Amino acid sequence: MAFKFNPFTGKFDIDSGGESESSFSYKKIDTSEDITIPENQQMLVNGHVTVLGHLSVNGELVDISNRKAEQFFYDKILSSEVVEVSSNRLLLYKSHLTVLGHLRVNGRLEAS
């Protein structure tokens, strides 16, 4: 079973069309577990994950605990911030946009 992050509710939704049986939303990896985040995939964590076993990160491990509420306008995204532009959203910026943190654009990014 796979999950997708729903930015509208702030929770994970079941994705029945996923190819992998792993959800990549672990809070704890036990000593007997060997988990790999494949290339081109992300494991989202809210704050921390406890790793007692083995975790290989070939893709990305993203902490969303500092995710900002959706806004329409940015000029700087701080290193502690995670901003996601949903597929039906537009993110506007002035003459430049400084990204020190994490920016994921599924929608549109335009200069105002």
PDB file of N, CA and C in Angstrom:
ATOM      1  N   MET A   1       0.853  -1.169   0.000  1.00  0.00           N
ATOM      2  CA  MET A   1       0.000   0.000   0.000  1.00  0.00           C
ATOM      3  C   MET A   1       0.899   1.232   0.000  1.00  0.00           C
ATOM      4  N   ALA A   2       0.560   2.223  -0.807  1.00  0.00           N
ATOM      5  CA  ALA A   2       1.334   3.457  -0.902  1.00  0.00           C
ATOM      6  C   ALA A   2       0.489   4.638  -0.437  1.00  0.00           C
ATOM      7  N   PHE A   3       1.166   5.720  -0.046  1.00  0.00           N
ATOM      8  CA  PHE A   3       0.489   6.916   0.422  1.00  0.00           C
ATOM      9  C   PHE A   3       1.011   8.127  -0.325  1.00  0.00           C
ATOM     10  N   LYS A   4       0.161   9.127  -0.433  1.00  0.00           N
ATOM     11  CA  LYS A   4       0.554  10.415  -1.002  1.00  0.00           C
ATOM     12  C   LYS A   4       0.191  11.498   0.002  1.00  0.00           C
ATOM     13  N   PHE A   5       1.072  12.512   0.109  1.00  0.00           N
ATOM     14  CA  PHE A   5       0.798  13.622   1.017  1.00  0.00           C
ATOM     15  C   PHE A   5      -0.261  14.520   0.402  1.00  0.00           C
ATOM     16  N   ASN A   6      -1.313  14.836   1.162  1.00  0.00           N
ATOM     17  CA  ASN A   6      -2.378  15.723   0.728  1.00  0.00           C
ATOM     18  C   ASN A   6      -2.149  17.080   1.371  1.00  0.00           C
ATOM     19  N   PRO A   7      -1.688  18.095   0.576  1.00  0.00           N
ATOM     20  CA  PRO A   7      -1.371  19.398   1.166  1.00  0.00           C
ATOM     21  C   PRO A   7      -2.600  20.150   1.680  1.00  0.00           C
ATOM     22  N   PHE A   8      -3.799  19.756   1.249  1.00  0.00           N
ATOM     23  CA  PHE A   8      -5.007  20.443   1.697  1.00  0.00           C
ATOM     24  C   PHE A   8      -5.396  20.026   3.115  1.00  0.00           C
ATOM     25  N   THR A   9      -5.187  18.741   3.443  1.00  0.00           N
ATOM     26  CA  THR A   9      -5.539  18.255   4.774  1.00  0.00           C
ATOM     27  C   THR A   9      -4.334  18.174   5.697  1.00  0.00           C
ATOM     28  N   GLY A  10      -3.117  18.175   5.107  1.00  0.00           N
ATOM     29  CA  GLY A  10      -1.907  18.031   5.904  1.00  0.00           C
ATOM     30  C   GLY A  10      -1.665  16.604   6.353  1.00  0.00           C
ATOM     31  N   LYS A  11      -2.377  15.633   5.729  1.00  0.00           N
ATOM     32  CA  LYS A  11      -2.252  14.218   6.105  1.00  0.00           C
ATOM     33  C   LYS A  11      -1.906  13.387   4.868  1.00  0.00           C
ATOM     34  N   PHE A  12      -1.613  12.105   5.103  1.00  0.00           N
ATOM     35  CA  PHE A  12      -1.317  11.190   4.020  1.00  0.00           C
ATOM     36  C   PHE A  12      -2.585  10.459   3.584  1.00  0.00           C
ATOM     37  N   ASP A  13      -2.798  10.343   2.267  1.00  0.00           N
ATOM     38  CA  ASP A  13      -3.928   9.620   1.702  1.00  0.00           C
ATOM     39  C   ASP A  13      -3.426   8.325   1.072  1.00  0.00           C
ATOM     40  N   ILE A  14      -4.263   7.278   1.091  1.00  0.00           N
ATOM     41  CA  ILE A  14      -3.896   6.016   0.460  1.00  0.00           C
ATOM     42  C   ILE A  14      -3.910   6.199  -1.048  1.00  0.00           C
ATOM     43  N   ASP A  15      -2.860   5.703  -1.698  1.00  0.00           N
ATOM     44  CA  ASP A  15      -2.741   5.753  -3.158  1.00  0.00           C
ATOM     45  C   ASP A  15      -2.825   4.322  -3.671  1.00  0.00           C
ATOM     46  N   SER A  16      -3.992   3.924  -4.126  1.00  0.00           N
ATOM     47  CA  SER A  16      -4.187   2.551  -4.572  1.00  0.00           C
ATOM     48  C   SER A  16      -3.499   2.249  -5.890  1.00  0.00           C
ATOM     49  N   GLY A  17      -3.022   3.279  -6.597  1.00  0.00           N
ATOM     50  CA  GLY A  17      -2.355   3.059  -7.879  1.00  0.00           C
ATOM     51  C   GLY A  17      -0.855   2.980  -7.755  1.00  0.00           C
ATOM     52  N   GLY A  18      -0.318   2.939  -6.545  1.00  0.00           N
ATOM     53  CA  GLY A  18       1.131   2.916  -6.351  1.00  0.00           C
ATOM     54  C   GLY A  18       1.753   1.607  -6.797  1.00  0.00           C
ATOM     55  N   GLU A  19       2.986   1.678  -7.311  1.00  0.00           N
ATOM     56  CA  GLU A  19       3.694   0.489  -7.763  1.00  0.00           C
ATOM     57  C   GLU A  19       4.348  -0.245  -6.597  1.00  0.00           C
ATOM     58  N   SER A  20       4.704   0.475  -5.562  1.00  0.00           N
ATOM     59  CA  SER A  20       5.418  -0.106  -4.437  1.00  0.00           C
ATOM     60  C   SER A  20       4.465  -0.403  -3.294  1.00  0.00           C
ATOM     61  N   GLU A  21       4.794  -1.430  -2.512  1.00  0.00           N
ATOM     62  CA  GLU A  21       3.985  -1.725  -1.335  1.00  0.00           C
ATOM     63  C   GLU A  21       4.411  -0.880  -0.148  1.00  0.00           C
ATOM     64  N   SER A  22       5.537  -0.197  -0.252  1.00  0.00           N
ATOM     65  CA  SER A  22       6.034   0.620   0.840  1.00  0.00           C
ATOM     66  C   SER A  22       5.437   2.017   0.762  1.00  0.00           C
ATOM     67  N   SER A  23       5.096   2.579   1.922  1.00  0.00           N
ATOM     68  CA  SER A  23       4.469   3.892   1.950  1.00  0.00           C
ATOM     69  C   SER A  23       5.488   5.017   2.081  1.00  0.00           C
ATOM     70  N   PHE A  24       6.706   4.718   2.499  1.00  0.00           N
ATOM     71  CA  PHE A  24       7.743   5.710   2.746  1.00  0.00           C
ATOM     72  C   PHE A  24       7.287   6.779   3.729  1.00  0.00           C
ATOM     73  N   SER A  25       6.488   6.401   4.701  1.00  0.00           N
ATOM     74  CA  SER A  25       6.086   7.333   5.752  1.00  0.00           C
ATOM     75  C   SER A  25       6.322   6.697   7.118  1.00  0.00           C
ATOM     76  N   TYR A  26       7.464   6.051   7.271  1.00  0.00           N
ATOM     77  CA  TYR A  26       7.794   5.371   8.513  1.00  0.00           C
ATOM     78  C   TYR A  26       8.113   6.352   9.628  1.00  0.00           C
ATOM     79  N   LYS A  27       7.686   6.016  10.856  1.00  0.00           N
ATOM     80  CA  LYS A  27       8.091   6.770  12.033  1.00  0.00           C
ATOM     81  C   LYS A  27       9.240   6.054  12.735  1.00  0.00           C
ATOM     82  N   LYS A  28       9.288   4.725  12.541  1.00  0.00           N
ATOM     83  CA  LYS A  28      10.329   3.923  13.177  1.00  0.00           C
ATOM     84  C   LYS A  28      10.697   2.769  12.256  1.00  0.00           C
ATOM     85  N   ILE A  29      11.996   2.535  12.114  1.00  0.00           N
ATOM     86  CA  ILE A  29      12.498   1.399  11.352  1.00  0.00           C
ATOM     87  C   ILE A  29      13.160   0.467  12.360  1.00  0.00           C
ATOM     88  N   ASP A  30      12.550  -0.696  12.588  1.00  0.00           N
ATOM     89  CA  ASP A  30      13.030  -1.639  13.597  1.00  0.00           C
ATOM     90  C   ASP A  30      14.361  -2.281  13.201  1.00  0.00           C
ATOM     91  N   THR A  31      15.002  -2.901  14.175  1.00  0.00           N
ATOM     92  CA  THR A  31      16.326  -3.501  13.963  1.00  0.00           C
ATOM     93  C   THR A  31      16.324  -4.552  12.864  1.00  0.00           C
ATOM     94  N   SER A  32      15.228  -5.230  12.650  1.00  0.00           N
ATOM     95  CA  SER A  32      15.163  -6.288  11.636  1.00  0.00           C
ATOM     96  C   SER A  32      14.808  -5.746  10.248  1.00  0.00           C
ATOM     97  N   GLU A  33      14.549  -4.444  10.127  1.00  0.00           N
ATOM     98  CA  GLU A  33      14.114  -3.871   8.852  1.00  0.00           C
ATOM     99  C   GLU A  33      15.267  -3.251   8.066  1.00  0.00           C
ATOM    100  N   ASP A  34      15.187  -3.411   6.758  1.00  0.00           N
ATOM    101  CA  ASP A  34      16.154  -2.826   5.817  1.00  0.00           C
ATOM    102  C   ASP A  34      15.329  -2.063   4.784  1.00  0.00           C
ATOM    103  N   ILE A  35      15.285  -0.740   4.903  1.00  0.00           N
ATOM    104  CA  ILE A  35      14.438   0.108   4.056  1.00  0.00           C
ATOM    105  C   ILE A  35      15.317   0.901   3.096  1.00  0.00           C
ATOM    106  N   THR A  36      14.898   0.962   1.834  1.00  0.00           N
ATOM    107  CA  THR A  36      15.602   1.760   0.828  1.00  0.00           C
ATOM    108  C   THR A  36      14.632   2.755   0.211  1.00  0.00           C
ATOM    109  N   ILE A  37      15.027   4.012   0.177  1.00  0.00           N
ATOM    110  CA  ILE A  37      14.271   5.023  -0.553  1.00  0.00           C
ATOM    111  C   ILE A  37      14.863   5.045  -1.950  1.00  0.00           C
ATOM    112  N   PRO A  38      14.118   4.550  -2.944  1.00  0.00           N
ATOM    113  CA  PRO A  38      14.663   4.457  -4.303  1.00  0.00           C
ATOM    114  C   PRO A  38      14.953   5.828  -4.914  1.00  0.00           C
ATOM    115  N   GLU A  39      15.833   5.834  -5.898  1.00  0.00           N
ATOM    116  CA  GLU A  39      16.137   7.041  -6.646  1.00  0.00           C
ATOM    117  C   GLU A  39      14.839   7.581  -7.246  1.00  0.00           C
ATOM    118  N   ASN A  40      14.697   8.901  -7.293  1.00  0.00           N
ATOM    119  CA  ASN A  40      13.517   9.592  -7.827  1.00  0.00           C
ATOM    120  C   ASN A  40      12.277   9.422  -6.956  1.00  0.00           C
ATOM    121  N   GLN A  41      12.436   8.998  -5.694  1.00  0.00           N
ATOM    122  CA  GLN A  41      11.316   8.918  -4.760  1.00  0.00           C
ATOM    123  C   GLN A  41      11.686   9.642  -3.479  1.00  0.00           C
ATOM    124  N   GLN A  42      10.653  10.009  -2.699  1.00  0.00           N
ATOM    125  CA  GLN A  42      10.861  10.728  -1.456  1.00  0.00           C
ATOM    126  C   GLN A  42      10.207   9.991  -0.307  1.00  0.00           C
ATOM    127  N   MET A  43      10.840  10.064   0.855  1.00  0.00           N
ATOM    128  CA  MET A  43      10.217   9.640   2.105  1.00  0.00           C
ATOM    129  C   MET A  43       9.993  10.914   2.898  1.00  0.00           C
ATOM    130  N   LEU A  44       8.742  11.201   3.234  1.00  0.00           N
ATOM    131  CA  LEU A  44       8.394  12.405   3.982  1.00  0.00           C
ATOM    132  C   LEU A  44       8.287  12.056   5.459  1.00  0.00           C
ATOM    133  N   VAL A  45       8.920  12.856   6.295  1.00  0.00           N
ATOM    134  CA  VAL A  45       8.834  12.666   7.734  1.00  0.00           C
ATOM    135  C   VAL A  45       8.382  13.970   8.372  1.00  0.00           C
ATOM    136  N   ASN A  46       7.657  13.834   9.465  1.00  0.00           N
ATOM    137  CA  ASN A  46       7.175  15.006  10.176  1.00  0.00           C
ATOM    138  C   ASN A  46       7.955  15.131  11.472  1.00  0.00           C
ATOM    139  N   GLY A  47       9.132  15.717  11.399  1.00  0.00           N
ATOM    140  CA  GLY A  47       9.963  15.902  12.580  1.00  0.00           C
ATOM    141  C   GLY A  47      11.143  14.967  12.628  1.00  0.00           C
ATOM    142  N   HIS A  48      10.897  13.681  12.788  1.00  0.00           N
ATOM    143  CA  HIS A  48      12.012  12.739  12.865  1.00  0.00           C
ATOM    144  C   HIS A  48      11.545  11.327  12.544  1.00  0.00           C
ATOM    145  N   VAL A  49      12.503  10.473  12.275  1.00  0.00           N
ATOM    146  CA  VAL A  49      12.268   9.041  12.098  1.00  0.00           C
ATOM    147  C   VAL A  49      13.327   8.332  12.941  1.00  0.00           C
ATOM    148  N   THR A  50      12.923   7.298  13.680  1.00  0.00           N
ATOM    149  CA  THR A  50      13.836   6.521  14.497  1.00  0.00           C
ATOM    150  C   THR A  50      14.337   5.343  13.678  1.00  0.00           C
ATOM    151  N   VAL A  51      15.649   5.265  13.479  1.00  0.00           N
ATOM    152  CA  VAL A  51      16.237   4.199  12.667  1.00  0.00           C
ATOM    153  C   VAL A  51      17.054   3.284  13.576  1.00  0.00           C
ATOM    154  N   LEU A  52      16.505   2.102  13.847  1.00  0.00           N
ATOM    155  CA  LEU A  52      17.216   1.090  14.623  1.00  0.00           C
ATOM    156  C   LEU A  52      17.819   0.051  13.682  1.00  0.00           C
ATOM    157  N   GLY A  53      17.214  -0.088  12.505  1.00  0.00           N
ATOM    158  CA  GLY A  53      17.688  -1.023  11.491  1.00  0.00           C
ATOM    159  C   GLY A  53      18.581  -0.320  10.493  1.00  0.00           C
ATOM    160  N   HIS A  54      18.270  -0.462   9.213  1.00  0.00           N
ATOM    161  CA  HIS A  54      19.104   0.116   8.162  1.00  0.00           C
ATOM    162  C   HIS A  54      18.230   0.927   7.205  1.00  0.00           C
ATOM    163  N   LEU A  55      18.633   2.158   6.918  1.00  0.00           N
ATOM    164  CA  LEU A  55      17.929   3.031   5.975  1.00  0.00           C
ATOM    165  C   LEU A  55      18.916   3.508   4.922  1.00  0.00           C
ATOM    166  N   SER A  56      18.680   3.120   3.669  1.00  0.00           N
ATOM    167  CA  SER A  56      19.494   3.584   2.540  1.00  0.00           C
ATOM    168  C   SER A  56      18.714   4.655   1.805  1.00  0.00           C
ATOM    169  N   VAL A  57      19.323   5.811   1.611  1.00  0.00           N
ATOM    170  CA  VAL A  57      18.655   6.925   0.940  1.00  0.00           C
ATOM    171  C   VAL A  57      19.296   7.133  -0.428  1.00  0.00           C
ATOM    172  N   ASN A  58      18.652   6.597  -1.453  1.00  0.00           N
ATOM    173  CA  ASN A  58      19.078   6.819  -2.835  1.00  0.00           C
ATOM    174  C   ASN A  58      18.272   7.966  -3.447  1.00  0.00           C
ATOM    175  N   GLY A  59      17.094   8.211  -2.893  1.00  0.00           N
ATOM    176  CA  GLY A  59      16.232   9.311  -3.323  1.00  0.00           C
ATOM    177  C   GLY A  59      16.371  10.484  -2.368  1.00  0.00           C
ATOM    178  N   GLU A  60      15.249  10.891  -1.753  1.00  0.00           N
ATOM    179  CA  GLU A  60      15.276  12.036  -0.838  1.00  0.00           C
ATOM    180  C   GLU A  60      14.536  11.715   0.452  1.00  0.00           C
ATOM    181  N   LEU A  61      15.066  12.232   1.562  1.00  0.00           N
ATOM    182  CA  LEU A  61      14.418  12.187   2.867  1.00  0.00           C
ATOM    183  C   LEU A  61      14.068  13.629   3.206  1.00  0.00           C
ATOM    184  N   VAL A  62      12.761  13.964   3.276  1.00  0.00           N
ATOM    185  CA  VAL A  62      12.318  15.347   3.420  1.00  0.00           C
ATOM    186  C   VAL A  62      11.533  15.512   4.720  1.00  0.00           C
ATOM    187  N   ASP A  63      11.993  16.430   5.557  1.00  0.00           N
ATOM    188  CA  ASP A  63      11.297  16.769   6.797  1.00  0.00           C
ATOM    189  C   ASP A  63      10.269  17.845   6.495  1.00  0.00           C
ATOM    190  N   ILE A  64       8.994  17.520   6.685  1.00  0.00           N
ATOM    191  CA  ILE A  64       7.926  18.478   6.371  1.00  0.00           C
ATOM    192  C   ILE A  64       7.375  19.167   7.615  1.00  0.00           C
ATOM    193  N   SER A  65       8.055  19.012   8.752  1.00  0.00           N
ATOM    194  CA  SER A  65       7.544  19.621   9.981  1.00  0.00           C
ATOM    195  C   SER A  65       7.558  21.148   9.912  1.00  0.00           C
ATOM    196  N   ASN A  66       8.437  21.715   9.089  1.00  0.00           N
ATOM    197  CA  ASN A  66       8.490  23.173   8.952  1.00  0.00           C
ATOM    198  C   ASN A  66       7.790  23.650   7.682  1.00  0.00           C
ATOM    199  N   ARG A  67       6.912  22.816   7.145  1.00  0.00           N
ATOM    200  CA  ARG A  67       6.193  23.176   5.922  1.00  0.00           C
ATOM    201  C   ARG A  67       5.309  24.380   6.215  1.00  0.00           C
ATOM    202  N   LYS A  68       5.397  25.362   5.346  1.00  0.00           N
ATOM    203  CA  LYS A  68       4.610  26.579   5.520  1.00  0.00           C
ATOM    204  C   LYS A  68       3.202  26.386   4.975  1.00  0.00           C
ATOM    205  N   ALA A  69       2.261  27.078   5.575  1.00  0.00           N
ATOM    206  CA  ALA A  69       0.907  27.102   5.024  1.00  0.00           C
ATOM    207  C   ALA A  69       0.961  27.754   3.646  1.00  0.00           C
ATOM    208  N   GLU A  70       0.063  27.342   2.758  1.00  0.00           N
ATOM    209  CA  GLU A  70       0.088  27.873   1.395  1.00  0.00           C
ATOM    210  C   GLU A  70      -0.071  29.383   1.378  1.00  0.00           C
ATOM    211  N   GLN A  71       0.769  30.017   0.590  1.00  0.00           N
ATOM    212  CA  GLN A  71       0.698  31.448   0.354  1.00  0.00           C
ATOM    213  C   GLN A  71       0.711  31.656  -1.146  1.00  0.00           C
ATOM    214  N   PHE A  72       0.417  32.845  -1.581  1.00  0.00           N
ATOM    215  CA  PHE A  72       0.406  33.136  -3.007  1.00  0.00           C
ATOM    216  C   PHE A  72       1.682  33.830  -3.474  1.00  0.00           C
ATOM    217  N   PHE A  73       2.453  34.377  -2.528  1.00  0.00           N
ATOM    218  CA  PHE A  73       3.587  35.204  -2.917  1.00  0.00           C
ATOM    219  C   PHE A  73       4.781  34.957  -2.000  1.00  0.00           C
ATOM    220  N   TYR A  74       5.954  34.771  -2.595  1.00  0.00           N
ATOM    221  CA  TYR A  74       7.199  34.603  -1.838  1.00  0.00           C
ATOM    222  C   TYR A  74       8.294  35.426  -2.486  1.00  0.00           C
ATOM    223  N   ASP A  75       9.269  35.844  -1.696  1.00  0.00           N
ATOM    224  CA  ASP A  75      10.504  36.390  -2.253  1.00  0.00           C
ATOM    225  C   ASP A  75      11.702  35.603  -1.732  1.00  0.00           C
ATOM    226  N   LYS A  76      11.509  34.865  -0.593  1.00  0.00           N
ATOM    227  CA  LYS A  76      12.590  34.049  -0.035  1.00  0.00           C
ATOM    228  C   LYS A  76      12.003  32.861   0.717  1.00  0.00           C
ATOM    229  N   ILE A  77      12.559  31.680   0.470  1.00  0.00           N
ATOM    230  CA  ILE A  77      12.182  30.473   1.203  1.00  0.00           C
ATOM    231  C   ILE A  77      13.395  30.101   2.049  1.00  0.00           C
ATOM    232  N   LEU A  78      13.245  30.162   3.361  1.00  0.00           N
ATOM    233  CA  LEU A  78      14.351  29.940   4.287  1.00  0.00           C
ATOM    234  C   LEU A  78      14.800  28.479   4.302  1.00  0.00           C
ATOM    235  N   SER A  79      16.002  28.220   4.772  1.00  0.00           N
ATOM    236  CA  SER A  79      16.558  26.863   4.778  1.00  0.00           C
ATOM    237  C   SER A  79      15.747  25.909   5.648  1.00  0.00           C
ATOM    238  N   SER A  80      15.005  26.430   6.609  1.00  0.00           N
ATOM    239  CA  SER A  80      14.192  25.588   7.489  1.00  0.00           C
ATOM    240  C   SER A  80      12.783  25.363   6.951  1.00  0.00           C
ATOM    241  N   GLU A  81      12.469  25.890   5.758  1.00  0.00           N
ATOM    242  CA  GLU A  81      11.110  25.837   5.224  1.00  0.00           C
ATOM    243  C   GLU A  81      10.967  24.850   4.067  1.00  0.00           C
ATOM    244  N   VAL A  82       9.780  24.267   3.994  1.00  0.00           N
ATOM    245  CA  VAL A  82       9.396  23.396   2.885  1.00  0.00           C
ATOM    246  C   VAL A  82       8.144  24.000   2.268  1.00  0.00           C
ATOM    247  N   VAL A  83       8.201  24.348   0.987  1.00  0.00           N
ATOM    248  CA  VAL A  83       7.055  24.945   0.293  1.00  0.00           C
ATOM    249  C   VAL A  83       6.690  24.062  -0.890  1.00  0.00           C
ATOM    250  N   GLU A  84       5.423  23.696  -0.967  1.00  0.00           N
ATOM    251  CA  GLU A  84       4.934  22.912  -2.101  1.00  0.00           C
ATOM    252  C   GLU A  84       3.844  23.691  -2.800  1.00  0.00           C
ATOM    253  N   VAL A  85       3.987  23.829  -4.122  1.00  0.00           N
ATOM    254  CA  VAL A  85       2.969  24.488  -4.938  1.00  0.00           C
ATOM    255  C   VAL A  85       2.126  23.381  -5.566  1.00  0.00           C
ATOM    256  N   SER A  86       0.880  23.251  -5.131  1.00  0.00           N
ATOM    257  CA  SER A  86      -0.004  22.200  -5.621  1.00  0.00           C
ATOM    258  C   SER A  86      -0.303  22.371  -7.105  1.00  0.00           C
ATOM    259  N   SER A  87      -0.764  21.302  -7.734  1.00  0.00           N
ATOM    260  CA  SER A  87      -0.987  21.309  -9.177  1.00  0.00           C
ATOM    261  C   SER A  87      -2.021  22.341  -9.622  1.00  0.00           C
ATOM    262  N   ASN A  88      -2.909  22.726  -8.747  1.00  0.00           N
ATOM    263  CA  ASN A  88      -3.927  23.710  -9.112  1.00  0.00           C
ATOM    264  C   ASN A  88      -3.633  25.090  -8.520  1.00  0.00           C
ATOM    265  N   ARG A  89      -2.362  25.362  -8.203  1.00  0.00           N
ATOM    266  CA  ARG A  89      -1.977  26.622  -7.566  1.00  0.00           C
ATOM    267  C   ARG A  89      -0.916  27.364  -8.374  1.00  0.00           C
ATOM    268  N   LEU A  90      -0.790  28.656  -8.094  1.00  0.00           N
ATOM    269  CA  LEU A  90       0.182  29.533  -8.727  1.00  0.00           C
ATOM    270  C   LEU A  90       1.004  30.205  -7.637  1.00  0.00           C
ATOM    271  N   LEU A  91       2.331  30.160  -7.756  1.00  0.00           N
ATOM    272  CA  LEU A  91       3.219  30.854  -6.832  1.00  0.00           C
ATOM    273  C   LEU A  91       3.825  32.034  -7.572  1.00  0.00           C
ATOM    274  N   LEU A  92       3.604  33.236  -7.051  1.00  0.00           N
ATOM    275  CA  LEU A  92       4.130  34.450  -7.663  1.00  0.00           C
ATOM    276  C   LEU A  92       5.373  34.918  -6.916  1.00  0.00           C
ATOM    277  N   TYR A  93       6.314  35.504  -7.653  1.00  0.00           N
ATOM    278  CA  TYR A  93       7.482  36.118  -7.053  1.00  0.00           C
ATOM    279  C   TYR A  93       7.780  37.408  -7.796  1.00  0.00           C
ATOM    280  N   LYS A  94       8.492  38.347  -7.145  1.00  0.00           N
ATOM    281  CA  LYS A  94       8.805  39.630  -7.784  1.00  0.00           C
ATOM    282  C   LYS A  94       9.913  39.434  -8.803  1.00  0.00           C
ATOM    283  N   SER A  95      10.990  40.166  -8.702  1.00  0.00           N
ATOM    284  CA  SER A  95      12.063  40.073  -9.688  1.00  0.00           C
ATOM    285  C   SER A  95      12.934  38.837  -9.485  1.00  0.00           C
ATOM    286  N   HIS A  96      12.942  38.285  -8.272  1.00  0.00           N
ATOM    287  CA  HIS A  96      13.730  37.084  -8.008  1.00  0.00           C
ATOM    288  C   HIS A  96      13.103  36.302  -6.862  1.00  0.00           C
ATOM    289  N   LEU A  97      13.456  35.040  -6.781  1.00  0.00           N
ATOM    290  CA  LEU A  97      12.996  34.172  -5.707  1.00  0.00           C
ATOM    291  C   LEU A  97      14.228  33.451  -5.161  1.00  0.00           C
ATOM    292  N   THR A  98      14.526  33.641  -3.886  1.00  0.00           N
ATOM    293  CA  THR A  98      15.664  32.994  -3.253  1.00  0.00           C
ATOM    294  C   THR A  98      15.167  31.738  -2.544  1.00  0.00           C
ATOM    295  N   VAL A  99      15.699  30.573  -2.942  1.00  0.00           N
ATOM    296  CA  VAL A  99      15.289  29.304  -2.351  1.00  0.00           C
ATOM    297  C   VAL A  99      16.469  28.710  -1.597  1.00  0.00           C
ATOM    298  N   LEU A 100      16.428  28.801  -0.284  1.00  0.00           N
ATOM    299  CA  LEU A 100      17.449  28.204   0.569  1.00  0.00           C
ATOM    300  C   LEU A 100      16.963  26.876   1.146  1.00  0.00           C
ATOM    301  N   GLY A 101      15.650  26.689   1.170  1.00  0.00           N
ATOM    302  CA  GLY A 101      15.047  25.471   1.708  1.00  0.00           C
ATOM    303  C   GLY A 101      14.647  24.520   0.600  1.00  0.00           C
ATOM    304  N   HIS A 102      13.432  24.012   0.681  1.00  0.00           N
ATOM    305  CA  HIS A 102      12.942  23.002  -0.254  1.00  0.00           C
ATOM    306  C   HIS A 102      11.700  23.547  -0.963  1.00  0.00           C
ATOM    307  N   LEU A 103      11.716  23.561  -2.286  1.00  0.00           N
ATOM    308  CA  LEU A 103      10.583  24.035  -3.086  1.00  0.00           C
ATOM    309  C   LEU A 103      10.203  22.965  -4.081  1.00  0.00           C
ATOM    310  N   ARG A 104       8.947  22.546  -4.048  1.00  0.00           N
ATOM    311  CA  ARG A 104       8.436  21.549  -4.990  1.00  0.00           C
ATOM    312  C   ARG A 104       7.277  22.186  -5.749  1.00  0.00           C
ATOM    313  N   VAL A 105       7.417  22.281  -7.069  1.00  0.00           N
ATOM    314  CA  VAL A 105       6.414  22.956  -7.890  1.00  0.00           C
ATOM    315  C   VAL A 105       5.690  21.934  -8.763  1.00  0.00           C
ATOM    316  N   ASN A 106       4.439  21.669  -8.431  1.00  0.00           N
ATOM    317  CA  ASN A 106       3.563  20.839  -9.261  1.00  0.00           C
ATOM    318  C   ASN A 106       2.609  21.725 -10.049  1.00  0.00           C
ATOM    319  N   GLY A 107       2.456  22.956  -9.590  1.00  0.00           N
ATOM    320  CA  GLY A 107       1.580  23.921 -10.250  1.00  0.00           C
ATOM    321  C   GLY A 107       2.390  24.854 -11.118  1.00  0.00           C
ATOM    322  N   ARG A 108       2.159  26.166 -10.967  1.00  0.00           N
ATOM    323  CA  ARG A 108       2.852  27.160 -11.792  1.00  0.00           C
ATOM    324  C   ARG A 108       3.671  28.089 -10.912  1.00  0.00           C
ATOM    325  N   LEU A 109       4.795  28.537 -11.473  1.00  0.00           N
ATOM    326  CA  LEU A 109       5.688  29.481 -10.819  1.00  0.00           C
ATOM    327  C   LEU A 109       5.891  30.631 -11.803  1.00  0.00           C
ATOM    328  N   GLU A 110       5.471  31.853 -11.412  1.00  0.00           N
ATOM    329  CA  GLU A 110       5.520  32.988 -12.349  1.00  0.00           C
ATOM    330  C   GLU A 110       6.009  34.244 -11.652  1.00  0.00           C
ATOM    331  N   ALA A 111       6.730  35.065 -12.431  1.00  0.00           N
ATOM    332  CA  ALA A 111       7.121  36.389 -11.953  1.00  0.00           C
ATOM    333  C   ALA A 111       5.908  37.312 -12.033  1.00  0.00           C
ATOM    334  N   SER A 112       5.739  38.137 -11.005  1.00  0.00           N
ATOM    335  CA  SER A 112       4.580  39.048 -10.999  1.00  0.00           C
ATOM    336  C   SER A 112       4.910  40.362 -11.672  1.00  0.00           C
TER     337      SER A 112
END
